[in-house]
Amino acid sequence: MLTAQPGADLAEVLEEAIIAVRSRHGDSCVVDHPGTPSSTVILLQEHADQVHYLVLADSVLLLDSTDGLQVVTDDREAAFAARVRGDLDATTNGMPERESALANFMTRIQAYRNRPNGFWAAAAIPEAARQAITGSVPAASVRRVAVLTDGATRLVDRFELLDWPDLLDILDTAGPVELIRRTREAEASDPHGRRWKRGKATDDATAAYCTAFARTAASLH
């Protein structure tokens, strides 16, 4: 849809994608089960001299422009998790009771996924697309953009070893491979989560780095 209609509304694009995926699995899967697979989503669209964005669930979008650095993230899941993770944080990775505490935590999380009083993610409920964070900035003002899963932001928002400009500089000079290498190094230094409380010792880490909006062809490093 983005290819055929480059000015399409991003929430509508995501909504149609969820409907399409649901339709392909509805006969063979219990798509309304609380534990049905779900995903975070970030969409970027350059159209009519604007960079439009959509952010849903726990990824982070960094927009570095002439107006400063804007950090766009959907923190509803993190806010909810913070209220129910007390028993999990009382354990550490490798402890016998860790598995049970993590299972209980995940059950509570699943019960509030895609619910009005909980948080939203791309799963089987199209309404989630309308709950995403959206906005736009002038394309000519954008210098660089980073799209990051929460596993690739740990050096900043969980470990506090970097700030957001530091993270962007790593992507600019060394690329995503170096960012993820440093993240894995920090995780390995605290395998049991004693220094940094976290549900997973390591987490999926994906980063994309984009430059040169509205000036030259966008590049991915």
N, C-alpha and C. Protein backbone atom coordinates (compact mmCIF):
# COMPACT_ATOMS: atom_id res chain seq x y z
N MET A 1 0.82 -1.21 0.00
CA MET A 1 0.00 0.00 0.00
C MET A 1 0.86 1.26 0.00
N LEU A 2 1.97 1.23 0.77
CA LEU A 2 2.86 2.39 0.78
C LEU A 2 3.50 2.61 -0.58
N THR A 3 3.77 1.51 -1.29
CA THR A 3 4.35 1.64 -2.62
C THR A 3 3.32 2.18 -3.61
N ALA A 4 2.11 1.65 -3.54
CA ALA A 4 1.07 2.07 -4.47
C ALA A 4 0.51 3.45 -4.14
N GLN A 5 0.48 3.79 -2.84
CA GLN A 5 -0.06 5.07 -2.39
C GLN A 5 0.94 5.69 -1.41
N PRO A 6 1.96 6.36 -1.91
CA PRO A 6 3.02 6.87 -1.04
C PRO A 6 2.56 7.88 0.00
N GLY A 7 1.38 8.46 -0.18
CA GLY A 7 0.86 9.39 0.81
C GLY A 7 -0.17 8.79 1.74
N ALA A 8 -0.27 7.45 1.76
CA ALA A 8 -1.29 6.78 2.57
C ALA A 8 -1.11 7.05 4.05
N ASP A 9 -2.22 7.10 4.76
CA ASP A 9 -2.20 7.27 6.21
C ASP A 9 -1.53 6.06 6.85
N LEU A 10 -0.54 6.31 7.72
CA LEU A 10 0.25 5.21 8.26
C LEU A 10 -0.57 4.30 9.17
N ALA A 11 -1.47 4.87 9.96
CA ALA A 11 -2.31 4.03 10.81
C ALA A 11 -3.21 3.12 9.97
N GLU A 12 -3.68 3.65 8.85
CA GLU A 12 -4.52 2.85 7.96
C GLU A 12 -3.69 1.74 7.32
N VAL A 13 -2.45 2.05 6.96
CA VAL A 13 -1.56 1.02 6.39
C VAL A 13 -1.37 -0.12 7.38
N LEU A 14 -1.08 0.22 8.63
CA LEU A 14 -0.86 -0.82 9.64
C LEU A 14 -2.15 -1.59 9.92
N GLU A 15 -3.26 -0.89 9.99
CA GLU A 15 -4.54 -1.55 10.23
C GLU A 15 -4.82 -2.58 9.14
N GLU A 16 -4.61 -2.21 7.90
CA GLU A 16 -4.86 -3.14 6.79
C GLU A 16 -3.88 -4.32 6.83
N ALA A 17 -2.65 -4.06 7.27
CA ALA A 17 -1.67 -5.15 7.38
C ALA A 17 -2.10 -6.15 8.45
N ILE A 18 -2.59 -5.65 9.58
CA ILE A 18 -3.05 -6.55 10.65
C ILE A 18 -4.24 -7.38 10.16
N ILE A 19 -5.17 -6.74 9.47
CA ILE A 19 -6.33 -7.45 8.94
C ILE A 19 -5.90 -8.53 7.97
N ALA A 20 -4.93 -8.20 7.10
CA ALA A 20 -4.46 -9.17 6.11
C ALA A 20 -3.79 -10.37 6.77
N VAL A 21 -2.95 -10.13 7.77
CA VAL A 21 -2.28 -11.23 8.46
C VAL A 21 -3.30 -12.08 9.22
N ARG A 22 -4.23 -11.41 9.88
CA ARG A 22 -5.26 -12.14 10.63
C ARG A 22 -6.06 -13.05 9.70
N SER A 23 -6.40 -12.54 8.53
CA SER A 23 -7.22 -13.32 7.60
C SER A 23 -6.50 -14.57 7.11
N ARG A 24 -5.19 -14.54 7.09
CA ARG A 24 -4.43 -15.69 6.61
C ARG A 24 -4.30 -16.78 7.66
N HIS A 25 -4.57 -16.44 8.92
CA HIS A 25 -4.35 -17.41 10.00
C HIS A 25 -5.61 -17.72 10.80
N GLY A 26 -6.71 -17.02 10.49
CA GLY A 26 -7.90 -17.16 11.30
C GLY A 26 -8.50 -18.56 11.30
N ASP A 27 -8.32 -19.33 10.23
CA ASP A 27 -8.90 -20.67 10.16
C ASP A 27 -8.06 -21.72 10.87
N SER A 28 -6.78 -21.42 11.08
CA SER A 28 -5.89 -22.43 11.65
C SER A 28 -5.33 -22.05 13.02
N CYS A 29 -5.54 -20.80 13.44
CA CYS A 29 -4.97 -20.32 14.70
C CYS A 29 -6.06 -19.65 15.54
N VAL A 30 -5.87 -19.68 16.86
CA VAL A 30 -6.76 -18.96 17.77
C VAL A 30 -6.20 -17.55 17.90
N VAL A 31 -6.53 -16.68 16.94
CA VAL A 31 -5.87 -15.38 16.83
C VAL A 31 -6.23 -14.45 17.98
N ASP A 32 -7.34 -14.71 18.69
CA ASP A 32 -7.73 -13.85 19.79
C ASP A 32 -7.19 -14.31 21.14
N HIS A 33 -6.38 -15.34 21.13
CA HIS A 33 -5.76 -15.81 22.38
C HIS A 33 -4.84 -14.72 22.93
N PRO A 34 -4.83 -14.50 24.25
CA PRO A 34 -3.99 -13.43 24.82
C PRO A 34 -2.51 -13.56 24.48
N GLY A 35 -2.07 -14.80 24.24
CA GLY A 35 -0.66 -15.01 23.93
C GLY A 35 -0.34 -15.06 22.46
N THR A 36 -1.29 -14.66 21.61
CA THR A 36 -1.02 -14.69 20.17
C THR A 36 0.20 -13.82 19.85
N PRO A 37 1.01 -14.22 18.89
CA PRO A 37 2.22 -13.43 18.57
C PRO A 37 1.89 -11.98 18.28
N SER A 38 2.74 -11.11 18.77
CA SER A 38 2.55 -9.67 18.55
C SER A 38 3.89 -9.03 18.25
N SER A 39 3.84 -7.81 17.75
CA SER A 39 5.06 -7.15 17.32
C SER A 39 5.00 -5.65 17.60
N THR A 40 6.14 -5.10 17.84
CA THR A 40 6.31 -3.65 17.81
C THR A 40 6.40 -3.21 16.35
N VAL A 41 6.05 -1.95 16.08
CA VAL A 41 6.08 -1.44 14.70
C VAL A 41 6.58 0.01 14.71
N ILE A 42 7.48 0.31 13.78
CA ILE A 42 7.79 1.70 13.44
C ILE A 42 7.70 1.85 11.93
N LEU A 43 6.95 2.84 11.49
CA LEU A 43 6.85 3.16 10.07
C LEU A 43 7.35 4.57 9.85
N LEU A 44 8.12 4.75 8.78
CA LEU A 44 8.59 6.06 8.35
C LEU A 44 8.14 6.27 6.91
N GLN A 45 7.73 7.48 6.61
CA GLN A 45 7.24 7.78 5.27
C GLN A 45 7.66 9.21 4.92
N GLU A 46 8.40 9.37 3.84
CA GLU A 46 8.74 10.70 3.34
C GLU A 46 7.80 11.04 2.20
N HIS A 47 6.99 12.09 2.39
CA HIS A 47 5.99 12.44 1.39
C HIS A 47 5.62 13.91 1.53
N ALA A 48 5.55 14.60 0.41
CA ALA A 48 5.10 16.01 0.37
C ALA A 48 5.90 16.87 1.35
N ASP A 49 7.22 16.71 1.30
CA ASP A 49 8.14 17.53 2.09
C ASP A 49 8.02 17.28 3.59
N GLN A 50 7.42 16.18 3.98
CA GLN A 50 7.31 15.82 5.39
C GLN A 50 7.83 14.41 5.62
N VAL A 51 8.36 14.17 6.79
CA VAL A 51 8.66 12.81 7.24
C VAL A 51 7.61 12.45 8.27
N HIS A 52 6.75 11.51 7.89
CA HIS A 52 5.69 11.06 8.78
C HIS A 52 6.17 9.79 9.50
N TYR A 53 5.70 9.60 10.73
CA TYR A 53 6.12 8.41 11.48
C TYR A 53 4.95 7.83 12.26
N LEU A 54 5.09 6.54 12.55
CA LEU A 54 4.16 5.81 13.40
C LEU A 54 4.99 4.91 14.30
N VAL A 55 4.67 4.93 15.58
CA VAL A 55 5.37 4.10 16.56
C VAL A 55 4.33 3.37 17.40
N LEU A 56 4.45 2.05 17.46
CA LEU A 56 3.55 1.24 18.27
C LEU A 56 4.36 0.24 19.08
N ALA A 57 4.09 0.19 20.37
CA ALA A 57 4.77 -0.71 21.30
C ALA A 57 6.21 -0.26 21.55
N ASP A 58 7.07 -1.19 21.94
CA ASP A 58 8.26 -0.82 22.69
C ASP A 58 9.53 -0.57 21.87
N SER A 59 9.41 -0.09 20.66
CA SER A 59 10.59 0.36 19.92
C SER A 59 10.78 1.86 20.10
N VAL A 60 11.92 2.36 19.64
CA VAL A 60 12.26 3.78 19.80
C VAL A 60 12.64 4.37 18.45
N LEU A 61 12.10 5.54 18.19
CA LEU A 61 12.44 6.31 16.99
C LEU A 61 13.19 7.56 17.43
N LEU A 62 14.39 7.75 16.90
CA LEU A 62 15.18 8.96 17.16
C LEU A 62 15.16 9.83 15.91
N LEU A 63 14.66 11.05 16.06
CA LEU A 63 14.61 12.02 14.96
C LEU A 63 15.54 13.17 15.31
N ASP A 64 16.66 13.23 14.64
CA ASP A 64 17.63 14.30 14.86
C ASP A 64 17.44 15.34 13.76
N SER A 65 16.97 16.52 14.13
CA SER A 65 16.68 17.55 13.14
C SER A 65 17.31 18.87 13.57
N THR A 66 17.14 19.87 12.75
CA THR A 66 17.66 21.19 13.08
C THR A 66 16.97 21.78 14.30
N ASP A 67 15.85 21.21 14.70
CA ASP A 67 15.14 21.65 15.90
C ASP A 67 15.55 20.89 17.14
N GLY A 68 16.48 19.94 16.99
CA GLY A 68 16.93 19.15 18.13
C GLY A 68 16.64 17.68 17.96
N LEU A 69 16.91 16.92 19.01
CA LEU A 69 16.72 15.48 18.98
C LEU A 69 15.38 15.12 19.64
N GLN A 70 14.54 14.46 18.88
CA GLN A 70 13.24 14.03 19.37
C GLN A 70 13.25 12.52 19.56
N VAL A 71 12.91 12.07 20.76
CA VAL A 71 12.84 10.65 21.08
C VAL A 71 11.37 10.26 21.13
N VAL A 72 10.95 9.41 20.20
CA VAL A 72 9.55 8.99 20.12
C VAL A 72 9.47 7.53 20.52
N THR A 73 8.74 7.26 21.58
CA THR A 73 8.58 5.88 22.03
C THR A 73 7.21 5.71 22.66
N ASP A 74 6.68 4.52 22.56
CA ASP A 74 5.40 4.18 23.14
C ASP A 74 5.70 3.46 24.46
N ASP A 75 5.58 4.17 25.57
CA ASP A 75 6.00 3.62 26.85
C ASP A 75 4.87 2.99 27.66
N ARG A 76 3.72 2.75 27.03
CA ARG A 76 2.58 2.22 27.78
C ARG A 76 2.85 0.81 28.31
N GLU A 77 3.52 -0.02 27.51
CA GLU A 77 3.84 -1.36 28.00
C GLU A 77 4.82 -1.31 29.15
N ALA A 78 5.85 -0.47 29.02
CA ALA A 78 6.85 -0.35 30.08
C ALA A 78 6.21 0.17 31.37
N ALA A 79 5.30 1.13 31.24
CA ALA A 79 4.64 1.68 32.41
C ALA A 79 3.79 0.63 33.11
N PHE A 80 3.07 -0.17 32.30
CA PHE A 80 2.26 -1.23 32.89
C PHE A 80 3.15 -2.29 33.52
N ALA A 81 4.21 -2.70 32.81
CA ALA A 81 5.10 -3.73 33.32
C ALA A 81 5.74 -3.31 34.65
N ALA A 82 6.06 -2.03 34.77
CA ALA A 82 6.68 -1.55 36.01
C ALA A 82 5.78 -1.75 37.22
N ARG A 83 4.47 -1.78 36.97
CA ARG A 83 3.52 -1.93 38.08
C ARG A 83 3.35 -3.39 38.51
N VAL A 84 3.73 -4.33 37.65
CA VAL A 84 3.44 -5.73 37.96
C VAL A 84 4.68 -6.62 38.01
N ARG A 85 5.87 -6.02 37.95
CA ARG A 85 7.07 -6.85 37.87
C ARG A 85 7.81 -6.98 39.19
N GLY A 86 7.16 -6.62 40.30
CA GLY A 86 7.85 -6.68 41.59
C GLY A 86 8.40 -8.06 41.92
N ASP A 87 7.57 -9.11 41.75
CA ASP A 87 8.04 -10.47 42.06
C ASP A 87 9.17 -10.88 41.13
N LEU A 88 9.10 -10.47 39.87
CA LEU A 88 10.16 -10.81 38.92
C LEU A 88 11.47 -10.15 39.31
N ASP A 89 11.41 -8.88 39.68
CA ASP A 89 12.63 -8.16 40.04
C ASP A 89 13.24 -8.65 41.35
N ALA A 90 12.46 -9.39 42.13
CA ALA A 90 13.00 -9.95 43.37
C ALA A 90 13.85 -11.19 43.12
N THR A 91 13.86 -11.66 41.88
CA THR A 91 14.69 -12.81 41.51
C THR A 91 15.79 -12.35 40.57
N THR A 92 16.74 -13.22 40.33
CA THR A 92 17.79 -12.95 39.35
C THR A 92 17.89 -14.14 38.40
N ASN A 93 18.44 -13.89 37.21
CA ASN A 93 18.61 -14.96 36.23
C ASN A 93 19.43 -16.10 36.84
N GLY A 94 18.94 -17.31 36.65
CA GLY A 94 19.64 -18.48 37.18
C GLY A 94 19.07 -18.99 38.49
N MET A 95 18.25 -18.18 39.18
CA MET A 95 17.63 -18.63 40.42
C MET A 95 16.50 -19.60 40.11
N PRO A 96 16.25 -20.61 40.97
CA PRO A 96 15.20 -21.60 40.70
C PRO A 96 13.82 -20.98 40.54
N GLU A 97 13.53 -19.93 41.30
CA GLU A 97 12.21 -19.32 41.26
C GLU A 97 12.04 -18.34 40.11
N ARG A 98 13.10 -18.11 39.36
CA ARG A 98 13.04 -17.13 38.27
C ARG A 98 12.03 -17.54 37.19
N GLU A 99 12.03 -18.79 36.79
CA GLU A 99 11.16 -19.24 35.71
C GLU A 99 9.70 -19.03 36.08
N SER A 100 9.33 -19.38 37.32
CA SER A 100 7.94 -19.21 37.76
C SER A 100 7.55 -17.74 37.81
N ALA A 101 8.43 -16.90 38.32
CA ALA A 101 8.14 -15.46 38.41
C ALA A 101 7.99 -14.86 37.02
N LEU A 102 8.82 -15.31 36.07
CA LEU A 102 8.73 -14.79 34.71
C LEU A 102 7.43 -15.24 34.05
N ALA A 103 7.03 -16.49 34.28
CA ALA A 103 5.78 -16.99 33.70
C ALA A 103 4.59 -16.21 34.23
N ASN A 104 4.58 -15.92 35.53
CA ASN A 104 3.48 -15.15 36.13
C ASN A 104 3.45 -13.73 35.57
N PHE A 105 4.62 -13.16 35.40
CA PHE A 105 4.72 -11.80 34.85
C PHE A 105 4.17 -11.77 33.43
N MET A 106 4.56 -12.74 32.61
CA MET A 106 4.10 -12.76 31.23
C MET A 106 2.59 -12.98 31.14
N THR A 107 2.03 -13.79 32.03
CA THR A 107 0.59 -14.00 32.04
C THR A 107 -0.15 -12.70 32.32
N ARG A 108 0.36 -11.91 33.25
CA ARG A 108 -0.29 -10.63 33.58
C ARG A 108 -0.14 -9.64 32.43
N ILE A 109 1.01 -9.66 31.78
CA ILE A 109 1.22 -8.78 30.63
C ILE A 109 0.25 -9.13 29.51
N GLN A 110 0.14 -10.41 29.21
CA GLN A 110 -0.73 -10.84 28.12
C GLN A 110 -2.18 -10.47 28.35
N ALA A 111 -2.60 -10.47 29.61
CA ALA A 111 -4.00 -10.17 29.93
C ALA A 111 -4.36 -8.72 29.62
N TYR A 112 -3.36 -7.86 29.53
CA TYR A 112 -3.63 -6.43 29.30
C TYR A 112 -3.14 -5.94 27.94
N ARG A 113 -2.60 -6.85 27.14
CA ARG A 113 -2.18 -6.46 25.79
C ARG A 113 -3.41 -6.19 24.92
N ASN A 114 -3.37 -5.07 24.22
CA ASN A 114 -4.47 -4.66 23.34
C ASN A 114 -5.80 -4.54 24.09
N ARG A 115 -5.70 -3.90 25.27
CA ARG A 115 -6.86 -3.59 26.07
C ARG A 115 -6.83 -2.10 26.40
N PRO A 116 -8.00 -1.45 26.50
CA PRO A 116 -8.03 0.00 26.76
C PRO A 116 -7.27 0.44 28.00
N ASN A 117 -7.25 -0.37 29.04
CA ASN A 117 -6.54 0.01 30.26
C ASN A 117 -5.15 -0.60 30.34
N GLY A 118 -4.69 -1.16 29.23
CA GLY A 118 -3.37 -1.77 29.21
C GLY A 118 -2.46 -1.08 28.22
N PHE A 119 -2.04 -1.82 27.19
CA PHE A 119 -1.14 -1.26 26.19
C PHE A 119 -1.45 -1.94 24.86
N TRP A 120 -0.81 -1.45 23.80
CA TRP A 120 -1.16 -1.90 22.45
C TRP A 120 0.07 -2.39 21.70
N ALA A 121 -0.16 -3.40 20.85
CA ALA A 121 0.89 -3.94 19.98
C ALA A 121 0.22 -4.49 18.73
N ALA A 122 1.01 -4.71 17.70
CA ALA A 122 0.47 -5.26 16.45
C ALA A 122 0.33 -6.77 16.61
N ALA A 123 -0.90 -7.22 16.79
CA ALA A 123 -1.18 -8.64 16.90
C ALA A 123 -2.34 -8.97 15.98
N ALA A 124 -3.50 -9.31 16.55
CA ALA A 124 -4.64 -9.70 15.71
C ALA A 124 -5.80 -8.72 15.81
N ILE A 125 -5.62 -7.63 16.54
CA ILE A 125 -6.70 -6.66 16.73
C ILE A 125 -6.39 -5.40 15.92
N PRO A 126 -7.11 -5.14 14.84
CA PRO A 126 -6.82 -4.00 13.97
C PRO A 126 -6.85 -2.66 14.69
N GLU A 127 -7.69 -2.53 15.73
CA GLU A 127 -7.81 -1.28 16.47
C GLU A 127 -6.47 -0.80 17.02
N ALA A 128 -5.54 -1.73 17.24
CA ALA A 128 -4.23 -1.36 17.78
C ALA A 128 -3.55 -0.31 16.91
N ALA A 129 -3.76 -0.37 15.60
CA ALA A 129 -3.12 0.59 14.69
C ALA A 129 -3.54 2.01 15.00
N ARG A 130 -4.79 2.17 15.44
CA ARG A 130 -5.32 3.51 15.73
C ARG A 130 -4.83 4.04 17.08
N GLN A 131 -4.19 3.17 17.84
CA GLN A 131 -3.65 3.58 19.14
C GLN A 131 -2.17 3.94 19.06
N ALA A 132 -1.59 3.85 17.88
CA ALA A 132 -0.17 4.15 17.72
C ALA A 132 0.11 5.64 17.88
N ILE A 133 1.34 5.95 18.18
CA ILE A 133 1.81 7.34 18.24
C ILE A 133 2.21 7.77 16.83
N THR A 134 1.67 8.87 16.36
CA THR A 134 1.97 9.34 15.01
C THR A 134 2.35 10.81 15.04
N GLY A 135 3.04 11.24 14.01
CA GLY A 135 3.42 12.64 13.89
C GLY A 135 4.20 12.87 12.61
N SER A 136 4.68 14.08 12.44
CA SER A 136 5.48 14.40 11.26
C SER A 136 6.38 15.58 11.55
N VAL A 137 7.46 15.67 10.78
CA VAL A 137 8.40 16.78 10.87
C VAL A 137 8.78 17.17 9.45
N PRO A 138 9.17 18.43 9.22
CA PRO A 138 9.60 18.83 7.88
C PRO A 138 10.81 18.01 7.43
N ALA A 139 10.73 17.44 6.24
CA ALA A 139 11.80 16.59 5.76
C ALA A 139 13.12 17.34 5.64
N ALA A 140 13.05 18.61 5.26
CA ALA A 140 14.29 19.38 5.08
C ALA A 140 15.04 19.60 6.38
N SER A 141 14.35 19.45 7.51
CA SER A 141 14.99 19.69 8.80
C SER A 141 15.66 18.45 9.36
N VAL A 142 15.36 17.27 8.78
CA VAL A 142 15.84 16.01 9.34
C VAL A 142 17.28 15.74 8.91
N ARG A 143 18.13 15.51 9.89
CA ARG A 143 19.53 15.21 9.60
C ARG A 143 19.79 13.70 9.62
N ARG A 144 19.22 13.02 10.59
CA ARG A 144 19.41 11.58 10.69
C ARG A 144 18.29 11.00 11.54
N VAL A 145 18.01 9.73 11.30
CA VAL A 145 16.94 9.02 11.99
C VAL A 145 17.45 7.63 12.36
N ALA A 146 17.11 7.19 13.56
CA ALA A 146 17.42 5.82 13.96
C ALA A 146 16.13 5.13 14.38
N VAL A 147 15.98 3.90 13.94
CA VAL A 147 14.86 3.05 14.33
C VAL A 147 15.44 1.88 15.12
N LEU A 148 14.95 1.68 16.35
CA LEU A 148 15.60 0.76 17.27
C LEU A 148 14.58 -0.09 18.03
N THR A 149 14.80 -1.40 18.09
CA THR A 149 14.03 -2.20 19.03
C THR A 149 14.56 -1.94 20.44
N ASP A 150 13.76 -2.35 21.44
CA ASP A 150 14.19 -2.04 22.82
C ASP A 150 15.46 -2.79 23.20
N GLY A 151 15.75 -3.89 22.52
CA GLY A 151 17.02 -4.57 22.79
C GLY A 151 18.23 -3.80 22.32
N ALA A 152 18.02 -2.85 21.40
CA ALA A 152 19.12 -2.03 20.89
C ALA A 152 19.21 -0.68 21.59
N THR A 153 18.32 -0.43 22.55
CA THR A 153 18.37 0.85 23.29
C THR A 153 18.85 0.67 24.72
N ARG A 154 19.19 -0.56 25.10
CA ARG A 154 19.52 -0.84 26.49
C ARG A 154 20.70 -0.02 27.02
N LEU A 155 21.67 0.28 26.17
CA LEU A 155 22.82 1.05 26.64
C LEU A 155 22.40 2.42 27.15
N VAL A 156 21.25 2.91 26.70
CA VAL A 156 20.75 4.22 27.12
C VAL A 156 19.68 4.09 28.19
N ASP A 157 18.57 3.44 27.85
CA ASP A 157 17.40 3.53 28.72
C ASP A 157 17.36 2.50 29.85
N ARG A 158 18.23 1.49 29.82
CA ARG A 158 18.25 0.54 30.92
C ARG A 158 19.61 0.53 31.63
N PHE A 159 20.69 0.51 30.85
CA PHE A 159 22.01 0.43 31.46
C PHE A 159 22.59 1.80 31.80
N GLU A 160 22.10 2.84 31.14
CA GLU A 160 22.54 4.23 31.37
C GLU A 160 24.06 4.38 31.19
N LEU A 161 24.58 3.70 30.17
CA LEU A 161 26.00 3.82 29.83
C LEU A 161 26.24 4.86 28.74
N LEU A 162 25.17 5.21 28.02
CA LEU A 162 25.23 6.22 26.96
C LEU A 162 24.02 7.13 27.09
N ASP A 163 24.05 8.24 26.34
CA ASP A 163 22.83 9.01 26.14
C ASP A 163 22.43 8.88 24.67
N TRP A 164 21.29 9.45 24.30
CA TRP A 164 20.82 9.27 22.92
C TRP A 164 21.77 9.86 21.88
N PRO A 165 22.35 11.05 22.09
CA PRO A 165 23.33 11.53 21.10
C PRO A 165 24.53 10.59 20.96
N ASP A 166 24.99 10.00 22.08
CA ASP A 166 26.08 9.04 22.00
C ASP A 166 25.70 7.85 21.10
N LEU A 167 24.48 7.36 21.30
CA LEU A 167 24.02 6.22 20.51
C LEU A 167 23.98 6.57 19.02
N LEU A 168 23.47 7.75 18.71
CA LEU A 168 23.43 8.17 17.30
C LEU A 168 24.84 8.29 16.72
N ASP A 169 25.76 8.78 17.52
CA ASP A 169 27.14 8.92 17.03
C ASP A 169 27.76 7.56 16.73
N ILE A 170 27.46 6.54 17.55
CA ILE A 170 27.96 5.20 17.27
C ILE A 170 27.40 4.69 15.94
N LEU A 171 26.11 4.90 15.74
CA LEU A 171 25.51 4.48 14.47
C LEU A 171 26.13 5.23 13.30
N ASP A 172 26.43 6.50 13.50
CA ASP A 172 26.97 7.32 12.42
C ASP A 172 28.39 6.92 12.05
N THR A 173 29.18 6.59 13.06
CA THR A 173 30.59 6.31 12.80
C THR A 173 30.91 4.83 12.60
N ALA A 174 30.14 3.95 13.26
CA ALA A 174 30.47 2.53 13.21
C ALA A 174 29.31 1.64 12.80
N GLY A 175 28.10 2.16 12.80
CA GLY A 175 26.95 1.40 12.33
C GLY A 175 26.30 0.52 13.39
N PRO A 176 25.18 -0.12 13.03
CA PRO A 176 24.44 -0.96 13.98
C PRO A 176 25.24 -2.11 14.57
N VAL A 177 26.17 -2.68 13.81
CA VAL A 177 26.94 -3.82 14.31
C VAL A 177 27.69 -3.44 15.58
N GLU A 178 28.28 -2.26 15.59
CA GLU A 178 29.03 -1.83 16.77
C GLU A 178 28.11 -1.54 17.94
N LEU A 179 26.96 -0.94 17.68
CA LEU A 179 26.00 -0.69 18.75
C LEU A 179 25.57 -2.00 19.40
N ILE A 180 25.25 -2.98 18.59
CA ILE A 180 24.80 -4.25 19.14
C ILE A 180 25.95 -4.99 19.82
N ARG A 181 27.15 -4.86 19.30
CA ARG A 181 28.31 -5.49 19.96
C ARG A 181 28.48 -4.94 21.36
N ARG A 182 28.39 -3.62 21.51
CA ARG A 182 28.54 -3.01 22.83
C ARG A 182 27.41 -3.41 23.76
N THR A 183 26.22 -3.55 23.20
CA THR A 183 25.08 -3.98 24.01
C THR A 183 25.30 -5.39 24.54
N ARG A 184 25.72 -6.29 23.67
CA ARG A 184 25.98 -7.67 24.09
C ARG A 184 27.12 -7.73 25.12
N GLU A 185 28.10 -6.89 24.96
CA GLU A 185 29.21 -6.84 25.91
C GLU A 185 28.71 -6.44 27.29
N ALA A 186 27.84 -5.43 27.35
CA ALA A 186 27.30 -4.99 28.63
C ALA A 186 26.43 -6.08 29.24
N GLU A 187 25.59 -6.72 28.42
CA GLU A 187 24.74 -7.80 28.94
C GLU A 187 25.57 -8.94 29.50
N ALA A 188 26.64 -9.28 28.80
CA ALA A 188 27.49 -10.39 29.24
C ALA A 188 28.21 -10.08 30.54
N SER A 189 28.41 -8.81 30.81
CA SER A 189 29.08 -8.41 32.06
C SER A 189 28.16 -8.53 33.27
N ASP A 190 26.86 -8.72 33.03
CA ASP A 190 25.88 -8.83 34.12
C ASP A 190 24.86 -9.92 33.77
N PRO A 191 25.31 -11.17 33.62
CA PRO A 191 24.42 -12.22 33.09
C PRO A 191 23.24 -12.54 33.99
N HIS A 192 23.36 -12.27 35.29
CA HIS A 192 22.29 -12.62 36.21
C HIS A 192 21.38 -11.43 36.55
N GLY A 193 21.62 -10.30 35.90
CA GLY A 193 20.74 -9.16 36.11
C GLY A 193 20.84 -8.54 37.49
N ARG A 194 21.98 -8.64 38.12
CA ARG A 194 22.13 -8.04 39.46
C ARG A 194 22.38 -6.54 39.39
N ARG A 195 23.15 -6.12 38.42
CA ARG A 195 23.40 -4.68 38.25
C ARG A 195 22.24 -4.00 37.56
N TRP A 196 21.72 -4.63 36.52
CA TRP A 196 20.61 -4.07 35.76
C TRP A 196 19.46 -5.06 35.75
N LYS A 197 18.42 -4.78 36.53
CA LYS A 197 17.24 -5.64 36.56
C LYS A 197 16.58 -5.66 35.19
N ARG A 198 16.28 -6.87 34.69
CA ARG A 198 15.65 -6.99 33.39
C ARG A 198 15.04 -8.37 33.24
N GLY A 199 14.00 -8.47 32.44
CA GLY A 199 13.32 -9.74 32.26
C GLY A 199 14.15 -10.75 31.50
N LYS A 200 14.94 -10.27 30.54
CA LYS A 200 15.76 -11.15 29.71
C LYS A 200 17.22 -10.75 29.85
N ALA A 201 18.08 -11.76 29.99
CA ALA A 201 19.51 -11.46 30.09
C ALA A 201 19.98 -10.75 28.83
N THR A 202 19.51 -11.24 27.66
CA THR A 202 19.75 -10.57 26.38
C THR A 202 18.40 -10.42 25.68
N ASP A 203 18.30 -9.43 24.84
CA ASP A 203 17.05 -9.18 24.14
C ASP A 203 17.34 -8.96 22.66
N ASP A 204 16.31 -9.21 21.83
CA ASP A 204 16.49 -9.00 20.39
C ASP A 204 16.87 -7.56 20.13
N ALA A 205 17.87 -7.36 19.30
CA ALA A 205 18.39 -6.01 19.05
C ALA A 205 18.47 -5.77 17.54
N THR A 206 17.71 -4.80 17.09
CA THR A 206 17.71 -4.42 15.67
C THR A 206 17.80 -2.91 15.58
N ALA A 207 18.62 -2.41 14.68
CA ALA A 207 18.78 -0.97 14.49
C ALA A 207 18.90 -0.65 13.01
N ALA A 208 18.22 0.40 12.59
CA ALA A 208 18.37 0.93 11.23
C ALA A 208 18.70 2.41 11.35
N TYR A 209 19.60 2.86 10.51
CA TYR A 209 20.08 4.25 10.56
C TYR A 209 19.88 4.90 9.20
N CYS A 210 19.17 6.02 9.17
CA CYS A 210 18.81 6.67 7.91
C CYS A 210 19.31 8.11 7.91
N THR A 211 19.77 8.58 6.76
CA THR A 211 20.26 9.96 6.64
C THR A 211 19.78 10.58 5.35
N ALA A 212 19.96 11.90 5.26
CA ALA A 212 19.80 12.64 4.01
C ALA A 212 18.37 12.70 3.48
N PHE A 213 17.41 12.87 4.35
CA PHE A 213 16.03 13.05 3.89
C PHE A 213 15.91 14.36 3.12
N ALA A 214 15.18 14.30 2.02
CA ALA A 214 14.82 15.47 1.22
C ALA A 214 16.01 16.21 0.63
N ARG A 215 17.20 15.59 0.66
CA ARG A 215 18.35 16.26 0.05
C ARG A 215 19.00 15.34 -0.98
N THR A 216 19.31 14.11 -0.57
CA THR A 216 19.79 13.11 -1.51
C THR A 216 19.05 11.83 -1.21
N ALA A 217 19.31 10.80 -1.95
CA ALA A 217 18.63 9.54 -1.69
C ALA A 217 18.94 9.07 -0.29
N ALA A 218 17.92 8.62 0.42
CA ALA A 218 18.12 8.14 1.78
C ALA A 218 19.04 6.93 1.75
N SER A 219 19.86 6.83 2.79
CA SER A 219 20.80 5.70 2.85
C SER A 219 20.61 4.96 4.14
N LEU A 220 20.84 3.65 4.07
CA LEU A 220 20.81 2.80 5.24
C LEU A 220 22.22 2.28 5.46
N HIS A 221 22.70 2.39 6.68
CA HIS A 221 24.04 1.91 6.99
C HIS A 221 23.93 0.66 7.85
